[in-house]
Amino acid sequence: MSNGELKHLVLGLFGLHLAVLALGLWRLGRPAVLGLSALDAAAVLLWLALHPTGFRPPVDWPVVALGAFEGLVLIAVAMAARGVRPAVAAVWFAFAVHLIASGLAVAFALTFKITRLI
């Protein structure tokens, strides 16, 4: 992946999060927030499943915590889809965390030039 591709990817993800946030401020955006939160969590869990080195000894505890957080996000999305009110608040919290993470990824991609991306 080149620097240009990385910049386009993170800008696109950040723009998608901002668009869903704008929709989420109206009542009709709730399914979009649920869907994007589930998609974010599933993508991170899929990446962790394809790259399980953080779970092998020595265990990388921040990676394990990330996997646990994203697993809880998927559970919260499923509960929020069924109308559980505390789960809706948890999904909004997870969406805010994902929005902040995508914003930080944009700042990173626009600040640093990566000479080797694997």
C-alpha atoms as a PDB file:
ATOM      1  CA  MET A   1       0.000   0.000   0.000  1.00  0.00           C
ATOM      2  CA  SER A   2       1.407   3.371  -0.957  1.00  0.00           C
ATOM      3  CA  ASN A   3       1.154   6.604   1.008  1.00  0.00           C
ATOM      4  CA  GLY A   4      -1.436   7.920  -1.437  1.00  0.00           C
ATOM      5  CA  GLU A   5      -3.587   4.828  -1.066  1.00  0.00           C
ATOM      6  CA  LEU A   6      -3.352   5.049   2.726  1.00  0.00           C
ATOM      7  CA  LYS A   7      -4.377   8.718   2.666  1.00  0.00           C
ATOM      8  CA  HIS A   8      -7.353   8.005   0.410  1.00  0.00           C
ATOM      9  CA  LEU A   9      -8.421   5.048   2.551  1.00  0.00           C
ATOM     10  CA  VAL A  10      -8.330   6.865   5.886  1.00  0.00           C
ATOM     11  CA  LEU A  11      -9.913  10.030   4.437  1.00  0.00           C
ATOM     12  CA  GLY A  12     -12.710   7.919   2.975  1.00  0.00           C
ATOM     13  CA  LEU A  13     -13.302   6.119   6.274  1.00  0.00           C
ATOM     14  CA  PHE A  14     -13.275   9.388   8.204  1.00  0.00           C
ATOM     15  CA  GLY A  15     -15.690  10.951   5.709  1.00  0.00           C
ATOM     16  CA  LEU A  16     -17.966   7.917   6.034  1.00  0.00           C
ATOM     17  CA  HIS A  17     -17.944   8.246   9.818  1.00  0.00           C
ATOM     18  CA  LEU A  18     -18.754  11.968   9.593  1.00  0.00           C
ATOM     19  CA  ALA A  19     -21.612  11.298   7.154  1.00  0.00           C
ATOM     20  CA  VAL A  20     -23.066   8.624   9.427  1.00  0.00           C
ATOM     21  CA  LEU A  21     -22.692  10.982  12.399  1.00  0.00           C
ATOM     22  CA  ALA A  22     -24.628  13.639  10.495  1.00  0.00           C
ATOM     23  CA  LEU A  23     -27.338  11.080   9.712  1.00  0.00           C
ATOM     24  CA  GLY A  24     -27.257   9.803  13.285  1.00  0.00           C
ATOM     25  CA  LEU A  25     -28.146  13.216  14.645  1.00  0.00           C
ATOM     26  CA  TRP A  26     -31.535  12.727  13.057  1.00  0.00           C
ATOM     27  CA  ARG A  27     -33.727   9.813  14.088  1.00  0.00           C
ATOM     28  CA  LEU A  28     -33.440   8.118  10.692  1.00  0.00           C
ATOM     29  CA  GLY A  29     -29.706   7.648  11.092  1.00  0.00           C
ATOM     30  CA  ARG A  30     -29.911   5.086  13.909  1.00  0.00           C
ATOM     31  CA  PRO A  31     -29.649   2.088  11.539  1.00  0.00           C
ATOM     32  CA  ALA A  32     -26.637   3.715   9.876  1.00  0.00           C
ATOM     33  CA  VAL A  33     -24.862   4.129  13.225  1.00  0.00           C
ATOM     34  CA  LEU A  34     -25.643   0.527  14.150  1.00  0.00           C
ATOM     35  CA  GLY A  35     -24.507  -0.733  10.760  1.00  0.00           C
ATOM     36  CA  LEU A  36     -21.244   1.209  10.649  1.00  0.00           C
ATOM     37  CA  SER A  37     -20.402   0.273  14.248  1.00  0.00           C
ATOM     38  CA  ALA A  38     -20.990  -3.387  13.420  1.00  0.00           C
ATOM     39  CA  LEU A  39     -18.945  -3.064  10.230  1.00  0.00           C
ATOM     40  CA  ASP A  40     -16.050  -1.412  12.077  1.00  0.00           C
ATOM     41  CA  ALA A  41     -16.058  -4.062  14.793  1.00  0.00           C
ATOM     42  CA  ALA A  42     -16.322  -6.930  12.305  1.00  0.00           C
ATOM     43  CA  ALA A  43     -13.473  -5.519  10.207  1.00  0.00           C
ATOM     44  CA  VAL A  44     -11.181  -5.215  13.233  1.00  0.00           C
ATOM     45  CA  LEU A  45     -12.077  -8.708  14.451  1.00  0.00           C
ATOM     46  CA  LEU A  46     -11.487 -10.123  10.966  1.00  0.00           C
ATOM     47  CA  TRP A  47      -8.078  -8.437  10.812  1.00  0.00           C
ATOM     48  CA  LEU A  48      -7.225  -9.824  14.255  1.00  0.00           C
ATOM     49  CA  ALA A  49      -8.325 -13.295  13.162  1.00  0.00           C
ATOM     50  CA  LEU A  50      -6.132 -13.098  10.064  1.00  0.00           C
ATOM     51  CA  HIS A  51      -3.153 -11.790  12.076  1.00  0.00           C
ATOM     52  CA  PRO A  52      -3.274 -13.711  15.394  1.00  0.00           C
ATOM     53  CA  THR A  53       0.315 -12.979  16.453  1.00  0.00           C
ATOM     54  CA  GLY A  54      -0.888 -10.716  19.296  1.00  0.00           C
ATOM     55  CA  PHE A  55      -2.595 -13.682  20.934  1.00  0.00           C
ATOM     56  CA  ARG A  56       0.443 -15.971  20.875  1.00  0.00           C
ATOM     57  CA  PRO A  57       3.000 -15.996  23.701  1.00  0.00           C
ATOM     58  CA  PRO A  58       4.093 -13.464  24.708  1.00  0.00           C
ATOM     59  CA  VAL A  59       0.527 -12.174  24.669  1.00  0.00           C
ATOM     60  CA  ASP A  60       0.079  -8.577  23.515  1.00  0.00           C
ATOM     61  CA  TRP A  61      -2.531  -7.423  26.034  1.00  0.00           C
ATOM     62  CA  PRO A  62      -3.520  -4.209  24.221  1.00  0.00           C
ATOM     63  CA  VAL A  63      -4.397  -6.335  21.160  1.00  0.00           C
ATOM     64  CA  VAL A  64      -6.443  -8.680  23.366  1.00  0.00           C
ATOM     65  CA  ALA A  65      -8.227  -5.669  24.878  1.00  0.00           C
ATOM     66  CA  LEU A  66      -8.964  -4.338  21.381  1.00  0.00           C
ATOM     67  CA  GLY A  67     -10.440  -7.693  20.379  1.00  0.00           C
ATOM     68  CA  ALA A  68     -12.547  -7.821  23.535  1.00  0.00           C
ATOM     69  CA  PHE A  69     -13.787  -4.260  22.988  1.00  0.00           C
ATOM     70  CA  GLU A  70     -14.798  -4.970  19.389  1.00  0.00           C
ATOM     71  CA  GLY A  71     -16.493  -8.214  20.433  1.00  0.00           C
ATOM     72  CA  LEU A  72     -18.499  -6.267  23.019  1.00  0.00           C
ATOM     73  CA  VAL A  73     -19.381  -3.720  20.337  1.00  0.00           C
ATOM     74  CA  LEU A  74     -20.871  -6.477  18.172  1.00  0.00           C
ATOM     75  CA  ILE A  75     -22.884  -7.763  21.130  1.00  0.00           C
ATOM     76  CA  ALA A  76     -24.078  -4.222  21.917  1.00  0.00           C
ATOM     77  CA  VAL A  77     -25.103  -3.672  18.282  1.00  0.00           C
ATOM     78  CA  ALA A  78     -27.144  -6.873  18.334  1.00  0.00           C
ATOM     79  CA  MET A  79     -28.824  -5.840  21.583  1.00  0.00           C
ATOM     80  CA  ALA A  80     -29.444  -2.281  20.348  1.00  0.00           C
ATOM     81  CA  ALA A  81     -31.052  -3.631  17.194  1.00  0.00           C
ATOM     82  CA  ARG A  82     -33.527  -5.412  19.468  1.00  0.00           C
ATOM     83  CA  GLY A  83     -34.299  -2.156  21.299  1.00  0.00           C
ATOM     84  CA  VAL A  84     -32.282  -2.448  24.537  1.00  0.00           C
ATOM     85  CA  ARG A  85     -31.741   1.169  25.579  1.00  0.00           C
ATOM     86  CA  PRO A  86     -28.427   0.805  27.496  1.00  0.00           C
ATOM     87  CA  ALA A  87     -27.014  -1.015  24.472  1.00  0.00           C
ATOM     88  CA  VAL A  88     -27.944   1.940  22.259  1.00  0.00           C
ATOM     89  CA  ALA A  89     -25.853   4.202  24.493  1.00  0.00           C
ATOM     90  CA  ALA A  90     -22.986   1.704  24.345  1.00  0.00           C
ATOM     91  CA  VAL A  91     -23.166   1.666  20.540  1.00  0.00           C
ATOM     92  CA  TRP A  92     -23.015   5.458  20.434  1.00  0.00           C
ATOM     93  CA  PHE A  93     -19.962   5.334  22.725  1.00  0.00           C
ATOM     94  CA  ALA A  94     -18.302   2.758  20.447  1.00  0.00           C
ATOM     95  CA  PHE A  95     -19.176   4.867  17.408  1.00  0.00           C
ATOM     96  CA  ALA A  96     -17.507   7.874  19.061  1.00  0.00           C
ATOM     97  CA  VAL A  97     -14.387   5.778  19.747  1.00  0.00           C
ATOM     98  CA  HIS A  98     -14.326   4.615  16.106  1.00  0.00           C
ATOM     99  CA  LEU A  99     -14.813   8.203  14.883  1.00  0.00           C
ATOM    100  CA  ILE A 100     -11.922   9.425  17.035  1.00  0.00           C
ATOM    101  CA  ALA A 101      -9.722   6.535  15.880  1.00  0.00           C
ATOM    102  CA  SER A 102     -10.440   7.281  12.227  1.00  0.00           C
ATOM    103  CA  GLY A 103      -9.683  10.969  12.830  1.00  0.00           C
ATOM    104  CA  LEU A 104      -6.376  10.052  14.445  1.00  0.00           C
ATOM    105  CA  ALA A 105      -5.610   7.783  11.483  1.00  0.00           C
ATOM    106  CA  VAL A 106      -6.182  10.754   9.155  1.00  0.00           C
ATOM    107  CA  ALA A 107      -3.862  12.903  11.257  1.00  0.00           C
ATOM    108  CA  PHE A 108      -1.225  10.163  11.169  1.00  0.00           C
ATOM    109  CA  ALA A 109      -1.518   9.585   7.410  1.00  0.00           C
ATOM    110  CA  LEU A 110      -1.333  13.290   6.630  1.00  0.00           C
ATOM    111  CA  THR A 111       1.543  13.933   9.043  1.00  0.00           C
ATOM    112  CA  PHE A 112       3.963  11.104   8.381  1.00  0.00           C
ATOM    113  CA  LYS A 113       5.366   9.691   5.173  1.00  0.00           C
ATOM    114  CA  ILE A 114       5.688   5.930   5.410  1.00  0.00           C
ATOM    115  CA  THR A 115       8.580   4.488   3.487  1.00  0.00           C
ATOM    116  CA  ARG A 116       7.469   0.884   3.850  1.00  0.00           C
ATOM    117  CA  LEU A 117       3.922  -0.329   4.358  1.00  0.00           C
ATOM    118  CA  ILE A 118       3.299  -4.036   4.772  1.00  0.00           C
END
